[in-house]
Full PDB file with SEQRES, HELIX, SHEET, SSBOND, CRYST1, ORIGX, SCALE, CONECT and MASTER records, all heavy atoms in Angstrom:
SEQRES   1 A   43  GLU GLN ILE ASP GLU ASN ILE ALA GLY ILE LYS LYS VAL          
SEQRES   2 A   43  PHE SER ALA TYR ILE ASP TYR ASP THR GLU ALA GLU ASN          
SEQRES   3 A   43  LYS ALA LEU MET LEU ASN ASN ALA GLU TRP LEU ASP ASP          
SEQRES   4 A   43  LEU ASN TYR LEU                                              
HELIX    1 AA1 GLN A    2  PHE A   14  1                                  13    
HELIX    2 AA2 ALA A   34  LEU A   37  1                                   4    
CRYST1    1.000    1.000    1.000  90.00  90.00  90.00 P 1           1          
ORIGX1      1.000000  0.000000  0.000000        0.00000                         
ORIGX2      0.000000  1.000000  0.000000        0.00000                         
ORIGX3      0.000000  0.000000  1.000000        0.00000                         
SCALE1      1.000000  0.000000  0.000000        0.00000                         
SCALE2      0.000000  1.000000  0.000000        0.00000                         
SCALE3      0.000000  0.000000  1.000000        0.00000                         
ATOM      1  N   GLU A   1       0.865  -1.189   0.005  1.00  0.00           N  
ATOM      2  CA  GLU A   1       0.018   0.021  -0.023  1.00  0.00           C  
ATOM      3  C   GLU A   1       0.866   1.256  -0.013  1.00  0.00           C  
ATOM      4  O   GLU A   1       0.572   2.226  -0.727  1.00  0.00           O  
ATOM      5  CB  GLU A   1      -0.980   0.015   1.231  1.00  0.00           C  
ATOM      6  CG  GLU A   1      -2.050  -1.104   1.070  1.00  0.00           C  
ATOM      7  CD  GLU A   1      -3.014  -0.915   2.262  1.00  0.00           C  
ATOM      8  OE1 GLU A   1      -2.809  -0.067   3.147  1.00  0.00           O  
ATOM      9  OE2 GLU A   1      -4.009  -1.726   2.366  1.00  0.00           O  
ATOM     10  N   GLN A   2       1.958   1.237   0.783  1.00  0.00           N  
ATOM     11  CA  GLN A   2       2.796   2.409   0.856  1.00  0.00           C  
ATOM     12  C   GLN A   2       3.537   2.524  -0.465  1.00  0.00           C  
ATOM     13  O   GLN A   2       3.693   3.732  -0.980  1.00  0.00           O  
ATOM     14  CB  GLN A   2       3.915   2.247   1.990  1.00  0.00           C  
ATOM     15  CG  GLN A   2       4.832   3.471   2.149  1.00  0.00           C  
ATOM     16  CD  GLN A   2       4.012   4.628   2.610  1.00  0.00           C  
ATOM     17  OE1 GLN A   2       3.524   4.714   3.657  1.00  0.00           O  
ATOM     18  NE2 GLN A   2       4.045   5.691   1.702  1.00  0.00           N  
ATOM     19  N   ILE A   3       3.962   1.504  -1.036  1.00  0.00           N  
ATOM     20  CA  ILE A   3       4.574   1.579  -2.370  1.00  0.00           C  
ATOM     21  C   ILE A   3       3.707   2.137  -3.450  1.00  0.00           C  
ATOM     22  O   ILE A   3       4.075   3.069  -4.211  1.00  0.00           O  
ATOM     23  CB  ILE A   3       5.179   0.192  -2.788  1.00  0.00           C  
ATOM     24  CG1 ILE A   3       6.235  -0.275  -1.917  1.00  0.00           C  
ATOM     25  CG2 ILE A   3       5.555   0.103  -4.254  1.00  0.00           C  
ATOM     26  CD1 ILE A   3       6.709  -1.761  -2.124  1.00  0.00           C  
ATOM     27  N   ASP A   4       2.450   1.681  -3.435  1.00  0.00           N  
ATOM     28  CA  ASP A   4       1.529   2.229  -4.403  1.00  0.00           C  
ATOM     29  C   ASP A   4       1.200   3.716  -4.198  1.00  0.00           C  
ATOM     30  O   ASP A   4       1.111   4.539  -5.159  1.00  0.00           O  
ATOM     31  CB  ASP A   4       0.125   1.465  -4.331  1.00  0.00           C  
ATOM     32  CG  ASP A   4       0.267   0.001  -4.848  1.00  0.00           C  
ATOM     33  OD1 ASP A   4       1.263  -0.280  -5.592  1.00  0.00           O  
ATOM     34  OD2 ASP A   4      -0.659  -0.746  -4.587  1.00  0.00           O  
ATOM     35  N   GLU A   5       1.166   4.101  -2.930  1.00  0.00           N  
ATOM     36  CA  GLU A   5       0.936   5.486  -2.603  1.00  0.00           C  
ATOM     37  C   GLU A   5       2.156   6.403  -3.043  1.00  0.00           C  
ATOM     38  O   GLU A   5       1.906   7.380  -3.571  1.00  0.00           O  
ATOM     39  CB  GLU A   5       0.736   5.669  -1.079  1.00  0.00           C  
ATOM     40  CG  GLU A   5       0.269   6.977  -0.615  1.00  0.00           C  
ATOM     41  CD  GLU A   5       0.046   7.076   0.977  1.00  0.00           C  
ATOM     42  OE1 GLU A   5      -0.412   6.016   1.449  1.00  0.00           O  
ATOM     43  OE2 GLU A   5       0.197   8.152   1.476  1.00  0.00           O  
ATOM     44  N   ASN A   6       3.334   5.790  -2.859  1.00  0.00           N  
ATOM     45  CA  ASN A   6       4.569   6.509  -3.303  1.00  0.00           C  
ATOM     46  C   ASN A   6       4.610   6.600  -4.772  1.00  0.00           C  
ATOM     47  O   ASN A   6       4.948   7.722  -5.351  1.00  0.00           O  
ATOM     48  CB  ASN A   6       5.800   5.801  -2.786  1.00  0.00           C  
ATOM     49  CG  ASN A   6       6.031   5.935  -1.246  1.00  0.00           C  
ATOM     50  OD1 ASN A   6       5.332   6.681  -0.614  1.00  0.00           O  
ATOM     51  ND2 ASN A   6       6.933   5.164  -0.765  1.00  0.00           N  
ATOM     52  N   ILE A   7       4.180   5.652  -5.489  1.00  0.00           N  
ATOM     53  CA  ILE A   7       4.254   5.679  -6.948  1.00  0.00           C  
ATOM     54  C   ILE A   7       3.224   6.704  -7.384  1.00  0.00           C  
ATOM     55  O   ILE A   7       3.529   7.532  -8.358  1.00  0.00           O  
ATOM     56  CB  ILE A   7       3.855   4.322  -7.518  1.00  0.00           C  
ATOM     57  CG1 ILE A   7       4.998   3.326  -7.394  1.00  0.00           C  
ATOM     58  CG2 ILE A   7       3.482   4.445  -9.044  1.00  0.00           C  
ATOM     59  CD1 ILE A   7       4.784   1.888  -7.789  1.00  0.00           C  
ATOM     60  N   ALA A   8       2.072   6.870  -6.820  1.00  0.00           N  
ATOM     61  CA  ALA A   8       1.102   7.823  -7.246  1.00  0.00           C  
ATOM     62  C   ALA A   8       1.617   9.260  -7.072  1.00  0.00           C  
ATOM     63  O   ALA A   8       1.486  10.105  -7.909  1.00  0.00           O  
ATOM     64  CB  ALA A   8      -0.142   7.634  -6.363  1.00  0.00           C  
ATOM     65  N   GLY A   9       2.461   9.480  -5.996  1.00  0.00           N  
ATOM     66  CA  GLY A   9       3.066  10.767  -5.794  1.00  0.00           C  
ATOM     67  C   GLY A   9       4.154  11.051  -6.757  1.00  0.00           C  
ATOM     68  O   GLY A   9       4.246  12.090  -7.306  1.00  0.00           O  
ATOM     69  N   ILE A  10       4.973   9.996  -7.084  1.00  0.00           N  
ATOM     70  CA  ILE A  10       6.104  10.257  -7.986  1.00  0.00           C  
ATOM     71  C   ILE A  10       5.646  10.513  -9.373  1.00  0.00           C  
ATOM     72  O   ILE A  10       6.236  11.272 -10.104  1.00  0.00           O  
ATOM     73  CB  ILE A  10       7.018   8.957  -7.884  1.00  0.00           C  
ATOM     74  CG1 ILE A  10       7.844   8.869  -6.559  1.00  0.00           C  
ATOM     75  CG2 ILE A  10       8.028   8.995  -9.054  1.00  0.00           C  
ATOM     76  CD1 ILE A  10       8.505   7.605  -6.401  1.00  0.00           C  
ATOM     77  N   LYS A  11       4.508   9.881  -9.822  1.00  0.00           N  
ATOM     78  CA  LYS A  11       4.023  10.063 -11.144  1.00  0.00           C  
ATOM     79  C   LYS A  11       3.714  11.537 -11.536  1.00  0.00           C  
ATOM     80  O   LYS A  11       3.825  11.923 -12.665  1.00  0.00           O  
ATOM     81  CB  LYS A  11       2.829   9.185 -11.365  1.00  0.00           C  
ATOM     82  CG  LYS A  11       3.094   7.708 -11.634  1.00  0.00           C  
ATOM     83  CD  LYS A  11       1.846   6.888 -11.876  1.00  0.00           C  
ATOM     84  CE  LYS A  11       2.154   5.492 -12.258  1.00  0.00           C  
ATOM     85  NZ  LYS A  11       0.895   4.650 -12.497  1.00  0.00           N  
ATOM     86  N   LYS A  12       3.407  12.233 -10.449  1.00  0.00           N  
ATOM     87  CA  LYS A  12       2.986  13.689 -10.689  1.00  0.00           C  
ATOM     88  C   LYS A  12       4.236  14.504 -11.285  1.00  0.00           C  
ATOM     89  O   LYS A  12       3.915  15.426 -12.037  1.00  0.00           O  
ATOM     90  CB  LYS A  12       2.580  14.282  -9.391  1.00  0.00           C  
ATOM     91  CG  LYS A  12       1.311  13.712  -8.704  1.00  0.00           C  
ATOM     92  CD  LYS A  12       1.102  14.397  -7.313  1.00  0.00           C  
ATOM     93  CE  LYS A  12       0.015  13.737  -6.615  1.00  0.00           C  
ATOM     94  NZ  LYS A  12      -0.123  14.330  -5.214  1.00  0.00           N  
ATOM     95  N   VAL A  13       5.410  14.028 -10.917  1.00  0.00           N  
ATOM     96  CA  VAL A  13       6.556  14.767 -11.334  1.00  0.00           C  
ATOM     97  C   VAL A  13       6.780  14.734 -12.872  1.00  0.00           C  
ATOM     98  O   VAL A  13       7.061  15.668 -13.506  1.00  0.00           O  
ATOM     99  CB  VAL A  13       7.873  14.268 -10.603  1.00  0.00           C  
ATOM    100  CG1 VAL A  13       9.076  14.896 -11.270  1.00  0.00           C  
ATOM    101  CG2 VAL A  13       7.762  14.503  -9.166  1.00  0.00           C  
ATOM    102  N   PHE A  14       6.596  13.567 -13.433  1.00  0.00           N  
ATOM    103  CA  PHE A  14       7.057  13.321 -14.803  1.00  0.00           C  
ATOM    104  C   PHE A  14       6.275  14.037 -15.842  1.00  0.00           C  
ATOM    105  O   PHE A  14       6.844  14.419 -16.881  1.00  0.00           O  
ATOM    106  CB  PHE A  14       7.048  11.816 -15.109  1.00  0.00           C  
ATOM    107  CG  PHE A  14       8.069  11.002 -14.297  1.00  0.00           C  
ATOM    108  CD1 PHE A  14       7.730  10.264 -13.167  1.00  0.00           C  
ATOM    109  CD2 PHE A  14       9.373  11.060 -14.643  1.00  0.00           C  
ATOM    110  CE1 PHE A  14       8.614   9.550 -12.506  1.00  0.00           C  
ATOM    111  CE2 PHE A  14      10.405  10.377 -13.968  1.00  0.00           C  
ATOM    112  CZ  PHE A  14      10.015   9.636 -12.812  1.00  0.00           C  
ATOM    113  N   SER A  15       4.970  14.227 -15.609  1.00  0.00           N  
ATOM    114  CA  SER A  15       4.171  14.914 -16.667  1.00  0.00           C  
ATOM    115  C   SER A  15       4.624  16.316 -17.000  1.00  0.00           C  
ATOM    116  O   SER A  15       4.364  16.878 -18.100  1.00  0.00           O  
ATOM    117  CB  SER A  15       2.656  14.849 -16.262  1.00  0.00           C  
ATOM    118  OG  SER A  15       2.475  15.556 -15.058  1.00  0.00           O  
ATOM    119  N   ALA A  16       5.359  16.951 -16.035  1.00  0.00           N  
ATOM    120  CA  ALA A  16       5.907  18.311 -16.302  1.00  0.00           C  
ATOM    121  C   ALA A  16       7.079  18.277 -17.224  1.00  0.00           C  
ATOM    122  O   ALA A  16       7.373  19.257 -17.864  1.00  0.00           O  
ATOM    123  CB  ALA A  16       6.268  18.963 -14.964  1.00  0.00           C  
ATOM    124  N   TYR A  17       7.738  17.073 -17.358  1.00  0.00           N  
ATOM    125  CA  TYR A  17       8.974  17.020 -18.185  1.00  0.00           C  
ATOM    126  C   TYR A  17       8.839  16.208 -19.402  1.00  0.00           C  
ATOM    127  O   TYR A  17       9.590  16.436 -20.370  1.00  0.00           O  
ATOM    128  CB  TYR A  17      10.110  16.466 -17.187  1.00  0.00           C  
ATOM    129  CG  TYR A  17      10.565  17.285 -16.113  1.00  0.00           C  
ATOM    130  CD1 TYR A  17       9.898  17.215 -14.893  1.00  0.00           C  
ATOM    131  CD2 TYR A  17      11.537  18.287 -16.265  1.00  0.00           C  
ATOM    132  CE1 TYR A  17      10.269  17.976 -13.842  1.00  0.00           C  
ATOM    133  CE2 TYR A  17      11.988  19.040 -15.214  1.00  0.00           C  
ATOM    134  CZ  TYR A  17      11.365  18.886 -13.997  1.00  0.00           C  
ATOM    135  OH  TYR A  17      11.742  19.716 -12.955  1.00  0.00           O  
ATOM    136  N   ILE A  18       7.850  15.226 -19.362  1.00  0.00           N  
ATOM    137  CA  ILE A  18       7.911  14.224 -20.467  1.00  0.00           C  
ATOM    138  C   ILE A  18       6.457  14.150 -20.968  1.00  0.00           C  
ATOM    139  O   ILE A  18       5.504  14.226 -20.214  1.00  0.00           O  
ATOM    140  CB  ILE A  18       8.351  12.889 -19.909  1.00  0.00           C  
ATOM    141  CG1 ILE A  18       9.771  12.979 -19.384  1.00  0.00           C  
ATOM    142  CG2 ILE A  18       8.322  11.786 -20.998  1.00  0.00           C  
ATOM    143  CD1 ILE A  18      10.257  11.849 -18.545  1.00  0.00           C  
ATOM    144  N   ASP A  19       6.297  13.925 -22.297  1.00  0.00           N  
ATOM    145  CA  ASP A  19       4.981  13.929 -22.947  1.00  0.00           C  
ATOM    146  C   ASP A  19       4.469  12.522 -23.065  1.00  0.00           C  
ATOM    147  O   ASP A  19       5.048  11.728 -23.899  1.00  0.00           O  
ATOM    148  CB  ASP A  19       5.069  14.637 -24.268  1.00  0.00           C  
ATOM    149  CG  ASP A  19       3.698  14.879 -24.908  1.00  0.00           C  
ATOM    150  OD1 ASP A  19       2.712  14.368 -24.412  1.00  0.00           O  
ATOM    151  OD2 ASP A  19       3.663  15.519 -25.998  1.00  0.00           O  
ATOM    152  N   TYR A  20       3.510  12.142 -22.355  1.00  0.00           N  
ATOM    153  CA  TYR A  20       2.907  10.822 -22.417  1.00  0.00           C  
ATOM    154  C   TYR A  20       1.638  10.788 -23.303  1.00  0.00           C  
ATOM    155  O   TYR A  20       0.984   9.864 -23.554  1.00  0.00           O  
ATOM    156  CB  TYR A  20       2.459  10.359 -21.062  1.00  0.00           C  
ATOM    157  CG  TYR A  20       3.661  10.152 -20.115  1.00  0.00           C  
ATOM    158  CD1 TYR A  20       4.067  11.189 -19.274  1.00  0.00           C  
ATOM    159  CD2 TYR A  20       4.374   8.973 -19.997  1.00  0.00           C  
ATOM    160  CE1 TYR A  20       5.114  11.081 -18.420  1.00  0.00           C  
ATOM    161  CE2 TYR A  20       5.427   8.809 -19.167  1.00  0.00           C  
ATOM    162  CZ  TYR A  20       5.818   9.891 -18.329  1.00  0.00           C  
ATOM    163  OH  TYR A  20       6.945   9.745 -17.480  1.00  0.00           O  
ATOM    164  N   ASP A  21       1.257  12.036 -23.771  1.00  0.00           N  
ATOM    165  CA  ASP A  21      -0.062  12.120 -24.429  1.00  0.00           C  
ATOM    166  C   ASP A  21       0.046  12.337 -26.024  1.00  0.00           C  
ATOM    167  O   ASP A  21      -0.952  12.385 -26.691  1.00  0.00           O  
ATOM    168  CB  ASP A  21      -0.888  13.230 -23.889  1.00  0.00           C  
ATOM    169  CG  ASP A  21      -1.108  13.061 -22.357  1.00  0.00           C  
ATOM    170  OD1 ASP A  21      -1.473  11.857 -22.033  1.00  0.00           O  
ATOM    171  OD2 ASP A  21      -1.062  13.972 -21.580  1.00  0.00           O  
ATOM    172  N   THR A  22       1.234  12.574 -26.417  1.00  0.00           N  
ATOM    173  CA  THR A  22       1.471  12.912 -27.851  1.00  0.00           C  
ATOM    174  C   THR A  22       0.999  11.737 -28.696  1.00  0.00           C  
ATOM    175  O   THR A  22       1.051  10.619 -28.359  1.00  0.00           O  
ATOM    176  CB  THR A  22       2.948  13.205 -28.145  1.00  0.00           C  
ATOM    177  OG1 THR A  22       3.022  13.493 -29.549  1.00  0.00           O  
ATOM    178  CG2 THR A  22       3.824  12.091 -27.764  1.00  0.00           C  
ATOM    179  N   GLU A  23       0.542  11.949 -29.958  1.00  0.00           N  
ATOM    180  CA  GLU A  23       0.245  10.990 -30.901  1.00  0.00           C  
ATOM    181  C   GLU A  23       1.408  10.517 -31.649  1.00  0.00           C  
ATOM    182  O   GLU A  23       1.411   9.608 -32.535  1.00  0.00           O  
ATOM    183  CB  GLU A  23      -0.871  11.502 -31.907  1.00  0.00           C  
ATOM    184  CG  GLU A  23      -2.191  11.785 -31.108  1.00  0.00           C  
ATOM    185  CD  GLU A  23      -2.780  10.567 -30.449  1.00  0.00           C  
ATOM    186  OE1 GLU A  23      -2.812   9.505 -31.181  1.00  0.00           O  
ATOM    187  OE2 GLU A  23      -3.225  10.724 -29.247  1.00  0.00           O  
ATOM    188  N   ALA A  24       2.563  11.194 -31.479  1.00  0.00           N  
ATOM    189  CA  ALA A  24       3.780  10.897 -32.189  1.00  0.00           C  
ATOM    190  C   ALA A  24       4.329   9.480 -31.903  1.00  0.00           C  
ATOM    191  O   ALA A  24       3.936   8.952 -30.762  1.00  0.00           O  
ATOM    192  CB  ALA A  24       4.803  11.959 -31.973  1.00  0.00           C  
ATOM    193  N   GLU A  25       5.204   9.079 -32.698  1.00  0.00           N  
ATOM    194  CA  GLU A  25       5.832   7.761 -32.447  1.00  0.00           C  
ATOM    195  C   GLU A  25       6.574   7.637 -31.192  1.00  0.00           C  
ATOM    196  O   GLU A  25       6.751   6.624 -30.567  1.00  0.00           O  
ATOM    197  CB  GLU A  25       6.817   7.477 -33.680  1.00  0.00           C  
ATOM    198  CG  GLU A  25       7.472   6.117 -33.678  1.00  0.00           C  
ATOM    199  CD  GLU A  25       8.470   5.952 -34.744  1.00  0.00           C  
ATOM    200  OE1 GLU A  25       8.843   6.970 -35.464  1.00  0.00           O  
ATOM    201  OE2 GLU A  25       8.962   4.747 -34.959  1.00  0.00           O  
ATOM    202  N   ASN A  26       7.143   8.798 -30.747  1.00  0.00           N  
ATOM    203  CA  ASN A  26       7.987   8.765 -29.512  1.00  0.00           C  
ATOM    204  C   ASN A  26       7.134   9.189 -28.281  1.00  0.00           C  
ATOM    205  O   ASN A  26       7.731   9.754 -27.319  1.00  0.00           O  
ATOM    206  CB  ASN A  26       9.198   9.685 -29.702  1.00  0.00           C  
ATOM    207  CG  ASN A  26       8.784  11.131 -29.880  1.00  0.00           C  
ATOM    208  OD1 ASN A  26       7.707  11.507 -30.240  1.00  0.00           O  
ATOM    209  ND2 ASN A  26       9.743  12.048 -29.461  1.00  0.00           N  
ATOM    210  N   LYS A  27       5.857   8.766 -28.242  1.00  0.00           N  
ATOM    211  CA  LYS A  27       5.153   8.971 -27.043  1.00  0.00           C  
ATOM    212  C   LYS A  27       5.708   8.247 -25.852  1.00  0.00           C  
ATOM    213  O   LYS A  27       6.057   7.004 -25.983  1.00  0.00           O  
ATOM    214  CB  LYS A  27       3.650   8.416 -27.295  1.00  0.00           C  
ATOM    215  CG  LYS A  27       2.722   8.473 -26.006  1.00  0.00           C  
ATOM    216  CD  LYS A  27       1.386   7.849 -26.428  1.00  0.00           C  
ATOM    217  CE  LYS A  27       0.520   7.703 -25.183  1.00  0.00           C  
ATOM    218  NZ  LYS A  27      -0.893   7.258 -25.502  1.00  0.00           N  
ATOM    219  N   ALA A  28       5.847   8.898 -24.752  1.00  0.00           N  
ATOM    220  CA  ALA A  28       6.466   8.281 -23.563  1.00  0.00           C  
ATOM    221  C   ALA A  28       5.671   7.222 -22.951  1.00  0.00           C  
ATOM    222  O   ALA A  28       4.454   7.263 -23.028  1.00  0.00           O  
ATOM    223  CB  ALA A  28       6.832   9.287 -22.527  1.00  0.00           C  
ATOM    224  N   LEU A  29       6.318   6.237 -22.334  1.00  0.00           N  
ATOM    225  CA  LEU A  29       5.466   5.186 -21.598  1.00  0.00           C  
ATOM    226  C   LEU A  29       5.747   5.251 -20.087  1.00  0.00           C  
ATOM    227  O   LEU A  29       7.009   5.509 -19.722  1.00  0.00           O  
ATOM    228  CB  LEU A  29       5.970   3.853 -22.104  1.00  0.00           C  
ATOM    229  CG  LEU A  29       5.711   3.442 -23.585  1.00  0.00           C  
ATOM    230  CD1 LEU A  29       6.311   2.102 -23.993  1.00  0.00           C  
ATOM    231  CD2 LEU A  29       4.168   3.603 -23.916  1.00  0.00           C  
ATOM    232  N   MET A  30       4.766   5.040 -19.324  1.00  0.00           N  
ATOM    233  CA  MET A  30       4.924   4.868 -17.845  1.00  0.00           C  
ATOM    234  C   MET A  30       4.555   3.454 -17.451  1.00  0.00           C  
ATOM    235  O   MET A  30       3.492   2.989 -17.693  1.00  0.00           O  
ATOM    236  CB  MET A  30       3.985   5.818 -17.134  1.00  0.00           C  
ATOM    237  CG  MET A  30       3.956   5.674 -15.659  1.00  0.00           C  
ATOM    238  SD  MET A  30       5.329   6.514 -14.761  1.00  0.00           S  
ATOM    239  CE  MET A  30       4.961   8.215 -15.029  1.00  0.00           C  
ATOM    240  N   LEU A  31       5.643   2.666 -16.983  1.00  0.00           N  
ATOM    241  CA  LEU A  31       5.392   1.296 -16.715  1.00  0.00           C  
ATOM    242  C   LEU A  31       5.750   0.964 -15.221  1.00  0.00           C  
ATOM    243  O   LEU A  31       6.330   1.847 -14.606  1.00  0.00           O  
ATOM    244  CB  LEU A  31       6.276   0.442 -17.632  1.00  0.00           C  
ATOM    245  CG  LEU A  31       6.077   0.670 -19.084  1.00  0.00           C  
ATOM    246  CD1 LEU A  31       7.136  -0.178 -19.907  1.00  0.00           C  
ATOM    247  CD2 LEU A  31       4.671   0.260 -19.615  1.00  0.00           C  
ATOM    248  N   ASN A  32       5.445  -0.203 -14.801  1.00  0.00           N  
ATOM    249  CA  ASN A  32       5.606  -0.623 -13.426  1.00  0.00           C  
ATOM    250  C   ASN A  32       6.187  -2.053 -13.444  1.00  0.00           C  
ATOM    251  O   ASN A  32       5.564  -2.936 -14.004  1.00  0.00           O  
ATOM    252  CB  ASN A  32       4.335  -0.551 -12.582  1.00  0.00           C  
ATOM    253  CG  ASN A  32       4.526  -0.790 -11.102  1.00  0.00           C  
ATOM    254  OD1 ASN A  32       5.496  -1.434 -10.749  1.00  0.00           O  
ATOM    255  ND2 ASN A  32       3.643  -0.329 -10.356  1.00  0.00           N  
ATOM    256  N   ASN A  33       7.367  -2.184 -12.851  1.00  0.00           N  
ATOM    257  CA  ASN A  33       7.918  -3.634 -13.040  1.00  0.00           C  
ATOM    258  C   ASN A  33       7.274  -4.701 -12.057  1.00  0.00           C  
ATOM    259  O   ASN A  33       7.540  -5.834 -12.213  1.00  0.00           O  
ATOM    260  CB  ASN A  33       9.468  -3.557 -12.716  1.00  0.00           C  
ATOM    261  CG  ASN A  33       9.851  -3.153 -11.372  1.00  0.00           C  
ATOM    262  OD1 ASN A  33       9.062  -3.080 -10.449  1.00  0.00           O  
ATOM    263  ND2 ASN A  33      11.125  -2.784 -11.134  1.00  0.00           N  
ATOM    264  N   ALA A  34       6.324  -4.203 -11.318  1.00  0.00           N  
ATOM    265  CA  ALA A  34       5.531  -5.201 -10.551  1.00  0.00           C  
ATOM    266  C   ALA A  34       4.748  -6.032 -11.548  1.00  0.00           C  
ATOM    267  O   ALA A  34       4.327  -7.156 -11.214  1.00  0.00           O  
ATOM    268  CB  ALA A  34       4.590  -4.523  -9.628  1.00  0.00           C  
ATOM    269  N   GLU A  35       4.489  -5.521 -12.752  1.00  0.00           N  
ATOM    270  CA  GLU A  35       3.720  -6.268 -13.756  1.00  0.00           C  
ATOM    271  C   GLU A  35       4.249  -7.552 -14.137  1.00  0.00           C  
ATOM    272  O   GLU A  35       3.638  -8.533 -14.374  1.00  0.00           O  
ATOM    273  CB  GLU A  35       3.626  -5.303 -15.090  1.00  0.00           C  
ATOM    274  CG  GLU A  35       2.801  -5.873 -16.222  1.00  0.00           C  
ATOM    275  CD  GLU A  35       2.841  -5.018 -17.430  1.00  0.00           C  
ATOM    276  OE1 GLU A  35       3.087  -3.790 -17.236  1.00  0.00           O  
ATOM    277  OE2 GLU A  35       2.607  -5.487 -18.544  1.00  0.00           O  
ATOM    278  N   TRP A  36       5.611  -7.605 -14.142  1.00  0.00           N  
ATOM    279  CA  TRP A  36       6.284  -8.861 -14.471  1.00  0.00           C  
ATOM    280  C   TRP A  36       7.023  -9.520 -13.273  1.00  0.00           C  
ATOM    281  O   TRP A  36       7.361 -10.659 -13.281  1.00  0.00           O  
ATOM    282  CB  TRP A  36       7.266  -8.798 -15.607  1.00  0.00           C  
ATOM    283  CG  TRP A  36       8.264  -7.626 -15.540  1.00  0.00           C  
ATOM    284  CD1 TRP A  36       9.462  -7.680 -14.955  1.00  0.00           C  
ATOM    285  CD2 TRP A  36       8.084  -6.355 -16.220  1.00  0.00           C  
ATOM    286  NE1 TRP A  36      10.069  -6.461 -15.120  1.00  0.00           N  
ATOM    287  CE2 TRP A  36       9.293  -5.644 -15.869  1.00  0.00           C  
ATOM    288  CE3 TRP A  36       7.159  -5.792 -16.929  1.00  0.00           C  
ATOM    289  CZ2 TRP A  36       9.532  -4.356 -16.294  1.00  0.00           C  
ATOM    290  CZ3 TRP A  36       7.339  -4.525 -17.437  1.00  0.00           C  
ATOM    291  CH2 TRP A  36       8.494  -3.764 -17.111  1.00  0.00           C  
ATOM    292  N   LEU A  37       7.339  -8.723 -12.230  1.00  0.00           N  
ATOM    293  CA  LEU A  37       8.147  -9.344 -11.079  1.00  0.00           C  
ATOM    294  C   LEU A  37       7.152  -9.939  -9.971  1.00  0.00           C  
ATOM    295  O   LEU A  37       7.516 -10.958  -9.452  1.00  0.00           O  
ATOM    296  CB  LEU A  37       8.977  -8.189 -10.443  1.00  0.00           C  
ATOM    297  CG  LEU A  37      10.065  -7.633 -11.242  1.00  0.00           C  
ATOM    298  CD1 LEU A  37      10.785  -6.531 -10.442  1.00  0.00           C  
ATOM    299  CD2 LEU A  37      11.000  -8.680 -11.764  1.00  0.00           C  
ATOM    300  N   ASP A  38       5.939  -9.454  -9.811  1.00  0.00           N  
ATOM    301  CA  ASP A  38       5.149  -9.843  -8.846  1.00  0.00           C  
ATOM    302  C   ASP A  38       4.672 -11.366  -8.977  1.00  0.00           C  
ATOM    303  O   ASP A  38       4.446 -12.093  -7.965  1.00  0.00           O  
ATOM    304  CB  ASP A  38       3.854  -9.065  -8.726  1.00  0.00           C  
ATOM    305  CG  ASP A  38       4.077  -7.751  -7.772  1.00  0.00           C  
ATOM    306  OD1 ASP A  38       5.246  -7.546  -7.368  1.00  0.00           O  
ATOM    307  OD2 ASP A  38       3.137  -6.949  -7.575  1.00  0.00           O  
ATOM    308  N   ASP A  39       4.562 -11.810 -10.142  1.00  0.00           N  
ATOM    309  CA  ASP A  39       3.991 -13.163 -10.404  1.00  0.00           C  
ATOM    310  C   ASP A  39       5.094 -14.114 -10.817  1.00  0.00           C  
ATOM    311  O   ASP A  39       4.792 -15.290 -11.381  1.00  0.00           O  
ATOM    312  CB  ASP A  39       2.982 -13.061 -11.462  1.00  0.00           C  
ATOM    313  CG  ASP A  39       1.804 -12.267 -11.040  1.00  0.00           C  
ATOM    314  OD1 ASP A  39       1.463 -12.282  -9.865  1.00  0.00           O  
ATOM    315  OD2 ASP A  39       1.204 -11.583 -11.879  1.00  0.00           O  
ATOM    316  N   LEU A  40       6.363 -13.816 -10.598  1.00  0.00           N  
ATOM    317  CA  LEU A  40       7.448 -14.775 -10.972  1.00  0.00           C  
ATOM    318  C   LEU A  40       7.404 -16.042 -10.094  1.00  0.00           C  
ATOM    319  O   LEU A  40       7.072 -15.915  -8.917  1.00  0.00           O  
ATOM    320  CB  LEU A  40       8.795 -14.178 -10.725  1.00  0.00           C  
ATOM    321  CG  LEU A  40       9.231 -13.120 -11.758  1.00  0.00           C  
ATOM    322  CD1 LEU A  40      10.584 -12.492 -11.403  1.00  0.00           C  
ATOM    323  CD2 LEU A  40       9.387 -13.776 -13.161  1.00  0.00           C  
ATOM    324  N   ASN A  41       7.612 -17.154 -10.731  1.00  0.00           N  
ATOM    325  CA  ASN A  41       7.749 -18.381  -9.966  1.00  0.00           C  
ATOM    326  C   ASN A  41       9.205 -18.550  -9.636  1.00  0.00           C  
ATOM    327  O   ASN A  41      10.110 -18.539 -10.467  1.00  0.00           O  
ATOM    328  CB  ASN A  41       7.255 -19.549 -10.837  1.00  0.00           C  
ATOM    329  CG  ASN A  41       7.400 -20.875 -10.153  1.00  0.00           C  
ATOM    330  OD1 ASN A  41       8.558 -21.375  -9.931  1.00  0.00           O  
ATOM    331  ND2 ASN A  41       6.350 -21.551  -9.776  1.00  0.00           N  
ATOM    332  N   TYR A  42       9.499 -18.658  -8.369  1.00  0.00           N  
ATOM    333  CA  TYR A  42      10.817 -18.561  -7.843  1.00  0.00           C  
ATOM    334  C   TYR A  42      11.688 -19.698  -8.367  1.00  0.00           C  
ATOM    335  O   TYR A  42      12.879 -19.336  -8.884  1.00  0.00           O  
ATOM    336  CB  TYR A  42      10.794 -18.780  -6.250  1.00  0.00           C  
ATOM    337  CG  TYR A  42      12.163 -18.465  -5.617  1.00  0.00           C  
ATOM    338  CD1 TYR A  42      12.848 -17.351  -5.848  1.00  0.00           C  
ATOM    339  CD2 TYR A  42      12.754 -19.498  -4.899  1.00  0.00           C  
ATOM    340  CE1 TYR A  42      14.152 -17.108  -5.220  1.00  0.00           C  
ATOM    341  CE2 TYR A  42      13.976 -19.342  -4.310  1.00  0.00           C  
ATOM    342  CZ  TYR A  42      14.664 -18.150  -4.505  1.00  0.00           C  
ATOM    343  OH  TYR A  42      15.873 -17.898  -3.926  1.00  0.00           O  
ATOM    344  N   LEU A  43      11.264 -20.940  -8.466  1.00  0.00           N  
ATOM    345  CA  LEU A  43      12.067 -22.078  -8.974  1.00  0.00           C  
ATOM    346  C   LEU A  43      12.424 -21.785 -10.461  1.00  0.00           C  
ATOM    347  O   LEU A  43      13.466 -22.034 -10.938  1.00  0.00           O  
ATOM    348  CB  LEU A  43      11.483 -23.371  -8.713  1.00  0.00           C  
ATOM    349  CG  LEU A  43      11.449 -23.814  -7.286  1.00  0.00           C  
ATOM    350  CD1 LEU A  43      10.789 -25.195  -7.131  1.00  0.00           C  
ATOM    351  CD2 LEU A  43      12.924 -23.965  -6.749  1.00  0.00           C  
TER     352      LEU A  43                                                      
MASTER        0    0    0    2    0    0    0    6  351    1    0    4          
END                                                                             
């Protein structure tokens, strides 16, 4: 919960510097490595 809260706060910073909304080919991406790390099988 604390990590998710921190991520929500950190995300506010980036939109001032980087364009995530452009229709251009170089539209920025915002990703979270929990997407592939959280469900890893240890063995």
